[in-house]
Amino acid sequence: MRRIYFVFLGLAMLTLGLASLTEAQDKPAANAPAVAAAPAAPASGARAEFLEEIAYYEKRFTRLADGVPADKYSWRPADGVRSVGEVYAHIAAANYGIARALGIPPPAGIDPKAIMASATDKAKIVQALKDSFAHFKQAILAISDADLDKPQKMFGHDTTRRGAFFLITGHLGEHLGQSIAYARVNGIVPPWTEEAQQQKPADKPKQ
């Protein structure tokens, strides 16, 4: 009888030990760092509209930069003017700089000067564009709608954060037009234009 008692006692202690171990595994450690949830993308409003514009420019810049041959990255229309690669590098570096102005510093290891220095390296510049736009969009998501009317300095202008959105898209539009002109001068058709031309039905011969 005593032997049976000790058997049941041992089983009970083992069960309690396993339960305590499971509970300890389920609970996070007291000093474990909390994982910050990514800001949710707004469904409407000024930020949502601005993010749509940024997505448009991101697609145009990255596709054009990828479509330009590597040997054209050093081409420039005249001395003292940015080259093809330098325009793309400028946009990538500016994305980080604008995000910093909006309160989000660049990730560790990002150096805008290093980006500019690699302007002739197509692979690096295309990747820098993609990374910079991803970072910039996170900076926009970090802004709350309640902060849109707060004062903001952008490109030397005193405005609001909402007003800065217009200045930023103006900057992107200026350099996208520049990049398209550079491509055209070098005989390169922008990828989206080429796609549209391929989808256009051939003109019917005149009767």
N, C-alpha and C. Protein backbone atom coordinates (compact mmCIF):
# COMPACT_ATOMS: atom_id res chain seq x y z
N MET A 1 0.83 -1.21 0.00
CA MET A 1 0.00 0.00 0.00
C MET A 1 0.86 1.25 0.00
N ARG A 2 1.91 1.24 0.85
CA ARG A 2 2.79 2.41 0.92
C ARG A 2 3.49 2.63 -0.42
N ARG A 3 3.83 1.51 -1.10
CA ARG A 3 4.50 1.64 -2.39
C ARG A 3 3.58 2.32 -3.41
N ILE A 4 2.30 1.96 -3.41
CA ILE A 4 1.33 2.57 -4.33
C ILE A 4 1.19 4.05 -4.03
N TYR A 5 1.20 4.40 -2.73
CA TYR A 5 1.08 5.81 -2.32
C TYR A 5 2.23 6.63 -2.89
N PHE A 6 3.45 6.10 -2.78
CA PHE A 6 4.60 6.84 -3.27
C PHE A 6 4.59 6.95 -4.80
N VAL A 7 4.06 5.93 -5.47
CA VAL A 7 3.96 5.99 -6.92
C VAL A 7 3.04 7.14 -7.34
N PHE A 8 1.85 7.21 -6.69
CA PHE A 8 0.91 8.30 -7.01
C PHE A 8 1.49 9.66 -6.65
N LEU A 9 2.22 9.73 -5.56
CA LEU A 9 2.83 11.00 -5.15
C LEU A 9 3.85 11.46 -6.19
N GLY A 10 4.64 10.53 -6.69
CA GLY A 10 5.64 10.87 -7.69
C GLY A 10 5.00 11.35 -8.99
N LEU A 11 3.90 10.67 -9.39
CA LEU A 11 3.21 11.08 -10.61
C LEU A 11 2.62 12.48 -10.46
N ALA A 12 2.08 12.78 -9.29
CA ALA A 12 1.50 14.10 -9.05
C ALA A 12 2.56 15.18 -9.12
N MET A 13 3.73 14.93 -8.53
CA MET A 13 4.80 15.91 -8.56
C MET A 13 5.32 16.14 -9.98
N LEU A 14 5.41 15.05 -10.75
CA LEU A 14 5.86 15.16 -12.13
C LEU A 14 4.89 16.00 -12.96
N THR A 15 3.57 15.79 -12.73
CA THR A 15 2.55 16.54 -13.46
C THR A 15 2.63 18.02 -13.14
N LEU A 16 2.81 18.34 -11.85
CA LEU A 16 2.93 19.75 -11.44
C LEU A 16 4.17 20.40 -12.05
N GLY A 17 5.26 19.64 -12.10
CA GLY A 17 6.50 20.18 -12.67
C GLY A 17 6.35 20.50 -14.14
N LEU A 18 5.69 19.60 -14.90
CA LEU A 18 5.50 19.84 -16.32
C LEU A 18 4.58 21.03 -16.57
N ALA A 19 3.56 21.18 -15.72
CA ALA A 19 2.64 22.31 -15.86
C ALA A 19 3.37 23.62 -15.62
N SER A 20 4.24 23.64 -14.60
CA SER A 20 4.99 24.87 -14.30
C SER A 20 5.94 25.22 -15.43
N LEU A 21 6.58 24.17 -16.00
CA LEU A 21 7.51 24.41 -17.11
C LEU A 21 6.79 24.98 -18.32
N THR A 22 5.60 24.43 -18.65
CA THR A 22 4.83 24.91 -19.79
C THR A 22 4.41 26.35 -19.60
N GLU A 23 3.97 26.68 -18.36
CA GLU A 23 3.54 28.04 -18.06
C GLU A 23 4.71 29.01 -18.19
N ALA A 24 5.90 28.60 -17.77
CA ALA A 24 7.07 29.47 -17.86
C ALA A 24 7.46 29.72 -19.31
N GLN A 25 7.28 28.69 -20.16
CA GLN A 25 7.61 28.85 -21.57
C GLN A 25 6.63 29.77 -22.27
N ASP A 26 5.36 29.74 -21.84
CA ASP A 26 4.35 30.56 -22.47
C ASP A 26 4.50 32.03 -22.12
N LYS A 27 5.02 32.33 -20.92
CA LYS A 27 5.17 33.70 -20.48
C LYS A 27 6.48 34.28 -21.00
N PRO A 28 6.48 35.52 -21.53
CA PRO A 28 7.75 36.13 -21.97
C PRO A 28 8.60 36.49 -20.79
N ALA A 29 9.91 36.47 -21.00
CA ALA A 29 10.81 36.84 -19.92
C ALA A 29 10.59 38.29 -19.54
N ALA A 30 10.86 38.61 -18.27
CA ALA A 30 10.59 39.97 -17.78
C ALA A 30 11.42 41.00 -18.52
N ASN A 31 12.64 40.63 -18.94
CA ASN A 31 13.51 41.59 -19.61
C ASN A 31 13.53 41.40 -21.13
N ALA A 32 12.59 40.62 -21.66
CA ALA A 32 12.55 40.40 -23.11
C ALA A 32 12.07 41.66 -23.80
N PRO A 33 12.72 42.07 -24.88
CA PRO A 33 12.31 43.30 -25.56
C PRO A 33 10.97 43.13 -26.24
N ALA A 34 10.13 44.15 -26.16
CA ALA A 34 8.82 44.09 -26.80
C ALA A 34 8.99 44.32 -28.29
N VAL A 35 8.24 43.58 -29.10
CA VAL A 35 8.28 43.72 -30.54
C VAL A 35 7.26 44.77 -30.96
N ALA A 36 7.74 45.85 -31.56
CA ALA A 36 6.85 46.93 -31.95
C ALA A 36 6.04 46.53 -33.17
N ALA A 37 4.75 46.76 -33.10
CA ALA A 37 3.89 46.44 -34.22
C ALA A 37 4.07 47.48 -35.33
N ALA A 38 4.09 47.02 -36.56
CA ALA A 38 4.26 47.94 -37.68
C ALA A 38 3.02 48.82 -37.80
N PRO A 39 3.20 50.12 -38.06
CA PRO A 39 2.05 51.01 -38.19
C PRO A 39 1.14 50.54 -39.32
N ALA A 40 -0.14 50.64 -39.08
CA ALA A 40 -1.11 50.21 -40.09
C ALA A 40 -1.22 51.27 -41.18
N ALA A 41 -1.35 50.82 -42.41
CA ALA A 41 -1.50 51.75 -43.53
C ALA A 41 -2.88 52.38 -43.47
N PRO A 42 -2.98 53.70 -43.62
CA PRO A 42 -4.29 54.36 -43.58
C PRO A 42 -5.12 53.98 -44.79
N ALA A 43 -6.43 53.84 -44.58
CA ALA A 43 -7.33 53.46 -45.67
C ALA A 43 -7.76 54.68 -46.48
N SER A 44 -7.70 55.86 -45.87
CA SER A 44 -8.11 57.07 -46.56
C SER A 44 -7.42 58.26 -45.91
N GLY A 45 -7.63 59.44 -46.48
CA GLY A 45 -7.03 60.63 -45.92
C GLY A 45 -5.76 61.04 -46.64
N ALA A 46 -5.14 62.12 -46.13
CA ALA A 46 -3.97 62.70 -46.78
C ALA A 46 -2.81 61.73 -46.86
N ARG A 47 -2.57 60.96 -45.81
CA ARG A 47 -1.42 60.03 -45.83
C ARG A 47 -1.65 58.92 -46.84
N ALA A 48 -2.87 58.40 -46.91
CA ALA A 48 -3.17 57.34 -47.86
C ALA A 48 -2.98 57.82 -49.30
N GLU A 49 -3.44 59.04 -49.57
CA GLU A 49 -3.29 59.61 -50.91
C GLU A 49 -1.81 59.84 -51.24
N PHE A 50 -1.07 60.31 -50.24
CA PHE A 50 0.35 60.56 -50.46
C PHE A 50 1.11 59.26 -50.70
N LEU A 51 0.76 58.22 -49.97
CA LEU A 51 1.42 56.93 -50.15
C LEU A 51 1.15 56.36 -51.54
N GLU A 52 -0.02 56.64 -52.09
CA GLU A 52 -0.31 56.21 -53.46
C GLU A 52 0.63 56.91 -54.45
N GLU A 53 0.86 58.21 -54.20
CA GLU A 53 1.77 58.96 -55.05
C GLU A 53 3.20 58.41 -54.94
N ILE A 54 3.61 58.11 -53.72
CA ILE A 54 4.95 57.57 -53.51
C ILE A 54 5.11 56.22 -54.20
N ALA A 55 4.07 55.39 -54.12
CA ALA A 55 4.12 54.08 -54.80
C ALA A 55 4.27 54.26 -56.31
N TYR A 56 3.61 55.26 -56.85
CA TYR A 56 3.72 55.55 -58.30
C TYR A 56 5.16 55.91 -58.64
N TYR A 57 5.75 56.85 -57.90
CA TYR A 57 7.11 57.28 -58.19
C TYR A 57 8.12 56.16 -57.93
N GLU A 58 7.88 55.38 -56.89
CA GLU A 58 8.78 54.26 -56.61
C GLU A 58 8.83 53.30 -57.80
N LYS A 59 7.68 52.97 -58.33
CA LYS A 59 7.62 52.03 -59.45
C LYS A 59 8.30 52.61 -60.69
N ARG A 60 8.05 53.90 -60.96
CA ARG A 60 8.64 54.53 -62.13
C ARG A 60 10.17 54.60 -62.01
N PHE A 61 10.66 55.07 -60.88
CA PHE A 61 12.10 55.22 -60.71
C PHE A 61 12.82 53.87 -60.75
N THR A 62 12.30 52.89 -60.03
CA THR A 62 13.01 51.61 -59.97
C THR A 62 12.97 50.89 -61.32
N ARG A 63 11.86 50.97 -62.03
CA ARG A 63 11.78 50.31 -63.33
C ARG A 63 12.67 51.00 -64.36
N LEU A 64 12.71 52.33 -64.32
CA LEU A 64 13.55 53.05 -65.28
C LEU A 64 15.02 52.82 -64.97
N ALA A 65 15.37 52.88 -63.68
CA ALA A 65 16.76 52.64 -63.29
C ALA A 65 17.21 51.24 -63.68
N ASP A 66 16.30 50.28 -63.58
CA ASP A 66 16.62 48.91 -63.94
C ASP A 66 16.70 48.74 -65.46
N GLY A 67 15.95 49.57 -66.19
CA GLY A 67 15.93 49.43 -67.65
C GLY A 67 17.07 50.13 -68.36
N VAL A 68 17.72 51.07 -67.69
CA VAL A 68 18.85 51.78 -68.30
C VAL A 68 20.10 50.89 -68.23
N PRO A 69 20.81 50.68 -69.32
CA PRO A 69 22.03 49.86 -69.30
C PRO A 69 23.07 50.44 -68.34
N ALA A 70 23.85 49.56 -67.74
CA ALA A 70 24.85 49.99 -66.75
C ALA A 70 25.86 50.97 -67.33
N ASP A 71 26.19 50.82 -68.62
CA ASP A 71 27.20 51.69 -69.21
C ASP A 71 26.68 53.11 -69.46
N LYS A 72 25.39 53.33 -69.27
CA LYS A 72 24.82 54.67 -69.44
C LYS A 72 24.71 55.42 -68.11
N TYR A 73 25.03 54.77 -67.01
CA TYR A 73 24.89 55.42 -65.70
C TYR A 73 25.85 56.60 -65.53
N SER A 74 26.93 56.60 -66.26
CA SER A 74 27.88 57.70 -66.15
C SER A 74 27.61 58.82 -67.16
N TRP A 75 26.60 58.64 -68.02
CA TRP A 75 26.30 59.66 -69.04
C TRP A 75 25.69 60.89 -68.39
N ARG A 76 26.12 62.06 -68.84
CA ARG A 76 25.54 63.33 -68.39
C ARG A 76 25.43 64.27 -69.59
N PRO A 77 24.43 65.12 -69.62
CA PRO A 77 24.24 65.99 -70.80
C PRO A 77 25.28 67.08 -70.93
N ALA A 78 25.93 67.45 -69.83
CA ALA A 78 26.95 68.51 -69.88
C ALA A 78 27.74 68.48 -68.58
N ASP A 79 28.89 69.10 -68.58
CA ASP A 79 29.69 69.19 -67.36
C ASP A 79 28.92 69.97 -66.29
N GLY A 80 29.07 69.53 -65.06
CA GLY A 80 28.42 70.22 -63.95
C GLY A 80 26.97 69.85 -63.74
N VAL A 81 26.48 68.88 -64.52
CA VAL A 81 25.09 68.41 -64.40
C VAL A 81 25.11 66.97 -63.94
N ARG A 82 24.14 66.58 -63.13
CA ARG A 82 24.09 65.20 -62.63
C ARG A 82 24.03 64.20 -63.79
N SER A 83 24.73 63.09 -63.61
CA SER A 83 24.68 62.00 -64.57
C SER A 83 23.41 61.18 -64.34
N VAL A 84 23.19 60.20 -65.21
CA VAL A 84 22.04 59.30 -65.06
C VAL A 84 22.05 58.65 -63.68
N GLY A 85 23.18 58.05 -63.33
CA GLY A 85 23.27 57.36 -62.04
C GLY A 85 23.20 58.31 -60.86
N GLU A 86 23.71 59.51 -61.02
CA GLU A 86 23.69 60.48 -59.93
C GLU A 86 22.28 60.97 -59.62
N VAL A 87 21.42 61.01 -60.64
CA VAL A 87 20.03 61.39 -60.39
C VAL A 87 19.35 60.32 -59.54
N TYR A 88 19.55 59.05 -59.91
CA TYR A 88 18.96 57.97 -59.12
C TYR A 88 19.53 57.95 -57.70
N ALA A 89 20.83 58.14 -57.59
CA ALA A 89 21.47 58.15 -56.26
C ALA A 89 20.95 59.32 -55.42
N HIS A 90 20.72 60.45 -56.08
CA HIS A 90 20.18 61.63 -55.39
C HIS A 90 18.80 61.33 -54.81
N ILE A 91 17.97 60.65 -55.57
CA ILE A 91 16.63 60.31 -55.08
C ILE A 91 16.72 59.37 -53.89
N ALA A 92 17.58 58.35 -53.98
CA ALA A 92 17.73 57.41 -52.87
C ALA A 92 18.22 58.12 -51.60
N ALA A 93 19.25 58.96 -51.76
CA ALA A 93 19.78 59.68 -50.61
C ALA A 93 18.75 60.66 -50.06
N ALA A 94 18.01 61.32 -50.95
CA ALA A 94 17.00 62.29 -50.52
C ALA A 94 15.87 61.60 -49.76
N ASN A 95 15.50 60.39 -50.16
CA ASN A 95 14.45 59.67 -49.43
C ASN A 95 14.82 59.49 -47.97
N TYR A 96 16.08 59.15 -47.72
CA TYR A 96 16.52 59.01 -46.33
C TYR A 96 16.57 60.37 -45.63
N GLY A 97 17.01 61.40 -46.35
CA GLY A 97 17.09 62.72 -45.76
C GLY A 97 15.72 63.29 -45.42
N ILE A 98 14.75 63.07 -46.30
CA ILE A 98 13.39 63.55 -46.06
C ILE A 98 12.77 62.80 -44.89
N ALA A 99 13.00 61.50 -44.84
CA ALA A 99 12.48 60.71 -43.72
C ALA A 99 13.06 61.22 -42.40
N ARG A 100 14.35 61.57 -42.41
CA ARG A 100 14.97 62.13 -41.20
C ARG A 100 14.30 63.44 -40.81
N ALA A 101 14.02 64.29 -41.81
CA ALA A 101 13.35 65.57 -41.53
C ALA A 101 11.97 65.35 -40.92
N LEU A 102 11.34 64.24 -41.28
CA LEU A 102 10.01 63.92 -40.75
C LEU A 102 10.08 63.18 -39.42
N GLY A 103 11.30 62.92 -38.93
CA GLY A 103 11.45 62.34 -37.60
C GLY A 103 11.95 60.91 -37.54
N ILE A 104 12.23 60.29 -38.71
CA ILE A 104 12.68 58.90 -38.73
C ILE A 104 14.11 58.85 -39.29
N PRO A 105 15.12 58.60 -38.46
CA PRO A 105 16.51 58.58 -38.93
C PRO A 105 16.78 57.36 -39.82
N PRO A 106 17.81 57.43 -40.65
CA PRO A 106 18.14 56.29 -41.51
C PRO A 106 18.53 55.07 -40.68
N PRO A 107 18.38 53.87 -41.23
CA PRO A 107 18.83 52.66 -40.53
C PRO A 107 20.34 52.71 -40.31
N ALA A 108 20.82 51.94 -39.36
CA ALA A 108 22.26 51.89 -39.09
C ALA A 108 23.01 51.43 -40.34
N GLY A 109 24.10 52.12 -40.62
CA GLY A 109 24.93 51.74 -41.75
C GLY A 109 24.59 52.45 -43.05
N ILE A 110 23.51 53.22 -43.07
CA ILE A 110 23.13 53.94 -44.29
C ILE A 110 23.86 55.28 -44.31
N ASP A 111 24.62 55.51 -45.37
CA ASP A 111 25.38 56.74 -45.53
C ASP A 111 25.03 57.36 -46.88
N PRO A 112 24.28 58.47 -46.90
CA PRO A 112 23.91 59.09 -48.18
C PRO A 112 25.12 59.41 -49.07
N LYS A 113 26.26 59.78 -48.47
CA LYS A 113 27.45 60.07 -49.26
C LYS A 113 27.94 58.80 -49.97
N ALA A 114 27.84 57.66 -49.29
CA ALA A 114 28.25 56.40 -49.91
C ALA A 114 27.33 56.04 -51.08
N ILE A 115 26.05 56.37 -50.94
CA ILE A 115 25.11 56.12 -52.04
C ILE A 115 25.51 56.95 -53.25
N MET A 116 25.80 58.22 -53.02
CA MET A 116 26.20 59.09 -54.13
C MET A 116 27.51 58.61 -54.76
N ALA A 117 28.41 58.09 -53.94
CA ALA A 117 29.71 57.63 -54.44
C ALA A 117 29.57 56.39 -55.33
N SER A 118 28.48 55.65 -55.19
CA SER A 118 28.28 54.43 -55.98
C SER A 118 27.36 54.68 -57.17
N ALA A 119 27.27 55.92 -57.63
CA ALA A 119 26.33 56.29 -58.68
C ALA A 119 26.54 55.56 -60.00
N THR A 120 27.74 55.04 -60.24
CA THR A 120 28.01 54.33 -61.50
C THR A 120 27.75 52.83 -61.38
N ASP A 121 27.41 52.36 -60.18
CA ASP A 121 27.16 50.93 -59.95
C ASP A 121 25.66 50.68 -60.03
N LYS A 122 25.20 50.19 -61.17
CA LYS A 122 23.77 50.02 -61.40
C LYS A 122 23.11 49.14 -60.35
N ALA A 123 23.69 47.99 -60.05
CA ALA A 123 23.08 47.07 -59.10
C ALA A 123 22.89 47.72 -57.73
N LYS A 124 23.90 48.44 -57.28
CA LYS A 124 23.82 49.10 -55.97
C LYS A 124 22.77 50.20 -55.96
N ILE A 125 22.71 50.96 -57.03
CA ILE A 125 21.78 52.08 -57.08
C ILE A 125 20.34 51.59 -57.16
N VAL A 126 20.07 50.58 -57.96
CA VAL A 126 18.71 50.04 -58.04
C VAL A 126 18.27 49.53 -56.67
N GLN A 127 19.15 48.82 -55.98
CA GLN A 127 18.82 48.32 -54.65
C GLN A 127 18.66 49.47 -53.65
N ALA A 128 19.52 50.49 -53.78
CA ALA A 128 19.42 51.65 -52.89
C ALA A 128 18.08 52.36 -53.07
N LEU A 129 17.60 52.46 -54.30
CA LEU A 129 16.30 53.07 -54.56
C LEU A 129 15.19 52.29 -53.86
N LYS A 130 15.20 50.98 -54.03
CA LYS A 130 14.17 50.13 -53.43
C LYS A 130 14.20 50.25 -51.90
N ASP A 131 15.37 50.18 -51.32
CA ASP A 131 15.49 50.25 -49.86
C ASP A 131 15.07 51.62 -49.33
N SER A 132 15.43 52.67 -50.05
CA SER A 132 15.12 54.02 -49.57
C SER A 132 13.63 54.30 -49.63
N PHE A 133 12.96 53.82 -50.68
CA PHE A 133 11.51 54.03 -50.75
C PHE A 133 10.80 53.23 -49.65
N ALA A 134 11.27 52.03 -49.37
CA ALA A 134 10.66 51.23 -48.29
C ALA A 134 10.80 51.95 -46.96
N HIS A 135 11.97 52.51 -46.70
CA HIS A 135 12.20 53.25 -45.46
C HIS A 135 11.34 54.52 -45.42
N PHE A 136 11.27 55.22 -46.54
CA PHE A 136 10.52 56.46 -46.58
C PHE A 136 9.03 56.21 -46.30
N LYS A 137 8.49 55.13 -46.85
CA LYS A 137 7.08 54.82 -46.61
C LYS A 137 6.81 54.52 -45.13
N GLN A 138 7.77 53.90 -44.46
CA GLN A 138 7.62 53.65 -43.03
C GLN A 138 7.59 54.97 -42.25
N ALA A 139 8.34 55.96 -42.73
CA ALA A 139 8.34 57.27 -42.08
C ALA A 139 6.98 57.93 -42.20
N ILE A 140 6.33 57.76 -43.35
CA ILE A 140 5.00 58.33 -43.53
C ILE A 140 3.98 57.62 -42.65
N LEU A 141 4.11 56.31 -42.54
CA LEU A 141 3.19 55.54 -41.69
C LEU A 141 3.33 55.92 -40.22
N ALA A 142 4.52 56.37 -39.84
CA ALA A 142 4.76 56.74 -38.45
C ALA A 142 4.12 58.08 -38.07
N ILE A 143 3.73 58.86 -39.08
CA ILE A 143 3.06 60.14 -38.82
C ILE A 143 1.57 59.87 -38.58
N SER A 144 1.02 60.49 -37.58
CA SER A 144 -0.41 60.34 -37.32
C SER A 144 -1.18 61.43 -38.05
N ASP A 145 -2.44 61.17 -38.32
CA ASP A 145 -3.27 62.18 -38.98
C ASP A 145 -3.37 63.45 -38.13
N ALA A 146 -3.29 63.28 -36.82
CA ALA A 146 -3.38 64.44 -35.92
C ALA A 146 -2.18 65.37 -36.04
N ASP A 147 -1.08 64.85 -36.60
CA ASP A 147 0.15 65.64 -36.71
C ASP A 147 0.32 66.31 -38.07
N LEU A 148 -0.64 66.13 -38.97
CA LEU A 148 -0.47 66.63 -40.33
C LEU A 148 -0.37 68.14 -40.41
N ASP A 149 -0.96 68.85 -39.47
CA ASP A 149 -0.93 70.31 -39.51
C ASP A 149 0.18 70.90 -38.64
N LYS A 150 1.07 70.05 -38.13
CA LYS A 150 2.20 70.56 -37.35
C LYS A 150 3.21 71.24 -38.27
N PRO A 151 3.92 72.25 -37.77
CA PRO A 151 4.92 72.95 -38.60
C PRO A 151 6.01 71.98 -39.07
N GLN A 152 6.46 72.21 -40.30
CA GLN A 152 7.49 71.35 -40.89
C GLN A 152 8.37 72.17 -41.82
N LYS A 153 9.67 71.99 -41.70
CA LYS A 153 10.63 72.61 -42.61
C LYS A 153 10.96 71.60 -43.70
N MET A 154 10.79 71.99 -44.95
CA MET A 154 11.08 71.06 -46.04
C MET A 154 11.65 71.83 -47.23
N PHE A 155 12.86 71.45 -47.66
CA PHE A 155 13.53 72.08 -48.80
C PHE A 155 13.64 73.60 -48.60
N GLY A 156 13.85 74.01 -47.37
CA GLY A 156 14.02 75.42 -47.08
C GLY A 156 12.73 76.19 -46.92
N HIS A 157 11.60 75.51 -47.02
CA HIS A 157 10.30 76.17 -46.91
C HIS A 157 9.68 75.87 -45.54
N ASP A 158 9.03 76.87 -44.96
CA ASP A 158 8.26 76.67 -43.73
C ASP A 158 6.84 76.30 -44.13
N THR A 159 6.43 75.10 -43.77
CA THR A 159 5.12 74.62 -44.16
C THR A 159 4.58 73.72 -43.04
N THR A 160 3.66 72.85 -43.36
CA THR A 160 3.17 71.84 -42.43
C THR A 160 3.58 70.48 -42.97
N ARG A 161 3.34 69.44 -42.18
CA ARG A 161 3.66 68.11 -42.69
C ARG A 161 2.79 67.78 -43.90
N ARG A 162 1.54 68.21 -43.86
CA ARG A 162 0.67 68.00 -45.02
C ARG A 162 1.22 68.77 -46.23
N GLY A 163 1.66 70.01 -46.00
CA GLY A 163 2.23 70.80 -47.08
C GLY A 163 3.52 70.21 -47.61
N ALA A 164 4.29 69.56 -46.73
CA ALA A 164 5.54 68.92 -47.15
C ALA A 164 5.28 67.82 -48.16
N PHE A 165 4.13 67.17 -48.07
CA PHE A 165 3.80 66.11 -49.02
C PHE A 165 3.81 66.65 -50.45
N PHE A 166 3.27 67.85 -50.65
CA PHE A 166 3.23 68.45 -51.98
C PHE A 166 4.64 68.78 -52.48
N LEU A 167 5.48 69.30 -51.58
CA LEU A 167 6.85 69.63 -51.96
C LEU A 167 7.63 68.37 -52.33
N ILE A 168 7.39 67.29 -51.60
CA ILE A 168 8.11 66.04 -51.86
C ILE A 168 7.72 65.45 -53.21
N THR A 169 6.42 65.42 -53.51
CA THR A 169 6.00 64.88 -54.80
C THR A 169 6.48 65.77 -55.95
N GLY A 170 6.56 67.08 -55.69
CA GLY A 170 7.11 67.97 -56.71
C GLY A 170 8.57 67.66 -56.99
N HIS A 171 9.32 67.38 -55.94
CA HIS A 171 10.74 67.00 -56.08
C HIS A 171 10.88 65.70 -56.87
N LEU A 172 10.06 64.71 -56.53
CA LEU A 172 10.13 63.43 -57.23
C LEU A 172 9.73 63.58 -58.70
N GLY A 173 8.69 64.38 -58.95
CA GLY A 173 8.24 64.57 -60.33
C GLY A 173 9.29 65.27 -61.18
N GLU A 174 9.98 66.25 -60.59
CA GLU A 174 11.03 66.97 -61.31
C GLU A 174 12.12 66.01 -61.77
N HIS A 175 12.58 65.14 -60.88
CA HIS A 175 13.69 64.27 -61.22
C HIS A 175 13.26 63.06 -62.05
N LEU A 176 11.98 62.67 -61.94
CA LEU A 176 11.51 61.61 -62.82
C LEU A 176 11.49 62.11 -64.26
N GLY A 177 10.98 63.33 -64.46
CA GLY A 177 11.00 63.92 -65.81
C GLY A 177 12.42 64.03 -66.34
N GLN A 178 13.35 64.43 -65.48
CA GLN A 178 14.76 64.52 -65.86
C GLN A 178 15.29 63.16 -66.30
N SER A 179 14.96 62.13 -65.52
CA SER A 179 15.45 60.78 -65.82
C SER A 179 14.85 60.24 -67.12
N ILE A 180 13.59 60.56 -67.37
CA ILE A 180 12.97 60.12 -68.62
C ILE A 180 13.64 60.80 -69.81
N ALA A 181 13.92 62.09 -69.66
CA ALA A 181 14.61 62.82 -70.75
C ALA A 181 15.99 62.22 -70.99
N TYR A 182 16.72 61.91 -69.93
CA TYR A 182 18.03 61.29 -70.07
C TYR A 182 17.92 59.97 -70.84
N ALA A 183 16.92 59.16 -70.47
CA ALA A 183 16.74 57.87 -71.12
C ALA A 183 16.43 58.06 -72.60
N ARG A 184 15.54 58.97 -72.91
CA ARG A 184 15.13 59.19 -74.31
C ARG A 184 16.30 59.66 -75.17
N VAL A 185 17.12 60.55 -74.63
CA VAL A 185 18.28 61.04 -75.37
C VAL A 185 19.22 59.89 -75.71
N ASN A 186 19.26 58.88 -74.84
CA ASN A 186 20.13 57.73 -75.06
C ASN A 186 19.42 56.59 -75.77
N GLY A 187 18.25 56.88 -76.35
CA GLY A 187 17.55 55.88 -77.14
C GLY A 187 16.83 54.82 -76.33
N ILE A 188 16.55 55.12 -75.06
CA ILE A 188 15.90 54.16 -74.17
C ILE A 188 14.45 54.56 -73.97
N VAL A 189 13.53 53.66 -74.30
CA VAL A 189 12.10 53.91 -74.10
C VAL A 189 11.73 53.47 -72.68
N PRO A 190 11.07 54.31 -71.90
CA PRO A 190 10.66 53.90 -70.55
C PRO A 190 9.84 52.61 -70.62
N PRO A 191 10.05 51.68 -69.70
CA PRO A 191 9.38 50.37 -69.77
C PRO A 191 7.86 50.46 -69.86
N TRP A 192 7.25 51.39 -69.11
CA TRP A 192 5.78 51.49 -69.13
C TRP A 192 5.28 52.01 -70.47
N THR A 193 6.07 52.86 -71.14
CA THR A 193 5.70 53.35 -72.48
C THR A 193 5.82 52.22 -73.50
N GLU A 194 6.88 51.44 -73.37
CA GLU A 194 7.07 50.32 -74.28
C GLU A 194 5.94 49.31 -74.16
N GLU A 195 5.51 49.06 -72.92
CA GLU A 195 4.40 48.13 -72.71
C GLU A 195 3.11 48.65 -73.34
N ALA A 196 2.87 49.95 -73.18
CA ALA A 196 1.66 50.54 -73.75
C ALA A 196 1.69 50.46 -75.27
N GLN A 197 2.86 50.65 -75.85
CA GLN A 197 2.99 50.59 -77.30
C GLN A 197 2.76 49.18 -77.82
N GLN A 198 3.19 48.18 -77.06
CA GLN A 198 3.01 46.79 -77.47
C GLN A 198 1.55 46.36 -77.38
N GLN A 199 0.81 46.97 -76.46
CA GLN A 199 -0.59 46.62 -76.29
C GLN A 199 -1.49 47.35 -77.28
N LYS A 200 -0.98 48.41 -77.88
CA LYS A 200 -1.78 49.20 -78.82
C LYS A 200 -1.94 48.42 -80.11
N PRO A 201 -3.18 48.27 -80.58
CA PRO A 201 -3.39 47.51 -81.83
C PRO A 201 -2.74 48.21 -83.02
N ALA A 202 -2.24 47.42 -83.94
CA ALA A 202 -1.60 47.98 -85.13
C ALA A 202 -2.60 48.77 -85.95
N ASP A 203 -2.14 49.87 -86.51
CA ASP A 203 -3.02 50.68 -87.35
C ASP A 203 -3.48 49.87 -88.58
N LYS A 204 -4.76 49.98 -88.84
CA LYS A 204 -5.28 49.28 -90.01
C LYS A 204 -4.86 50.00 -91.28
N PRO A 205 -4.52 49.25 -92.31
CA PRO A 205 -4.15 49.90 -93.57
C PRO A 205 -5.34 50.67 -94.15
N LYS A 206 -5.07 51.79 -94.78
CA LYS A 206 -6.12 52.59 -95.35
C LYS A 206 -6.77 51.85 -96.53
N GLN A 207 -8.07 51.97 -96.60
CA GLN A 207 -8.82 51.30 -97.67
C GLN A 207 -8.61 52.02 -99.00
